[in-house]
Amino acid sequence: MLANPNVSVLNPHVTIDLLNARLLVEPQLAELAAKIVNENESAALQEILAEAEQYLVDNDQMLHQVNMSFHLAIAHCTGNVALTQIMESLIELYSFEQFAVISLFNARFQDHEEHKAICGAICDRAPERARSLMEQHLIHVKSVVEARLRKRMEDEGERDSQEAPQW
C-alpha cells in the first residue's frame, strides 16, 4: 500500500482517526520495547533524538521524517514484525496527515522533550512508565490538533458556509 500522492486537502476526521489508531498501538509498543530493548536499540533511539534536535527550528520536513523514524524504531525494538509493519503502514499511508500534525501541533520543543522522556523510560527498561508517557504524549498531541482543526473548521465556516473547508 502506498500513500495517495494526490492528497492535498487535509481531512480533519482522517487526521483524528489516525491519532486514535496510534493511541491504540503505540503505548503498547513503548511498553513492549521497554521490556526487551537492548543496548544497540537504546543507542539507536538516542541517536534519532539527537538528529531530531538539528531540525527543531527550521526544517519541518526533516523533523517529520526523523520523528516518524523514532516512532518506528520503538516498534522495531519490540521484535514484533506484524506490529512494526502496522506502524510502517500508518506512517506511509498517512504521511500527509502526519506531516500536517507538526504544523497543527506546533510545539516542536515540547514534542521533542516528550520523545526524550519516552526514550528514557524505554532505555531504563521501565515498561509502565514508557506506556504511560507515550499515551500522555499522543493524548496531548490529539487534544491540541483537535482543537486547532475545530477552530479552522469554524473559521472556514464563517468565511463560506456553503463549501467544505480546504486547508
Foldseek 3Di string as FASTA:
>chain_A
DAADPPDQFDDLVVLLVLLVVCLVQQLQLLLLLLQQADPVLLVVLVVLLVVLVVPLPPNLVVNLVSVLVNSLSSNVSNVDPVSSVVSVCSCGHCVVSSSVLCVQLVPSVVLSVLSVQLSVCSVVSPNVSNSVSVNVSSVSSSVSSVVSVVVQQVVVCVVPVVDGDGD
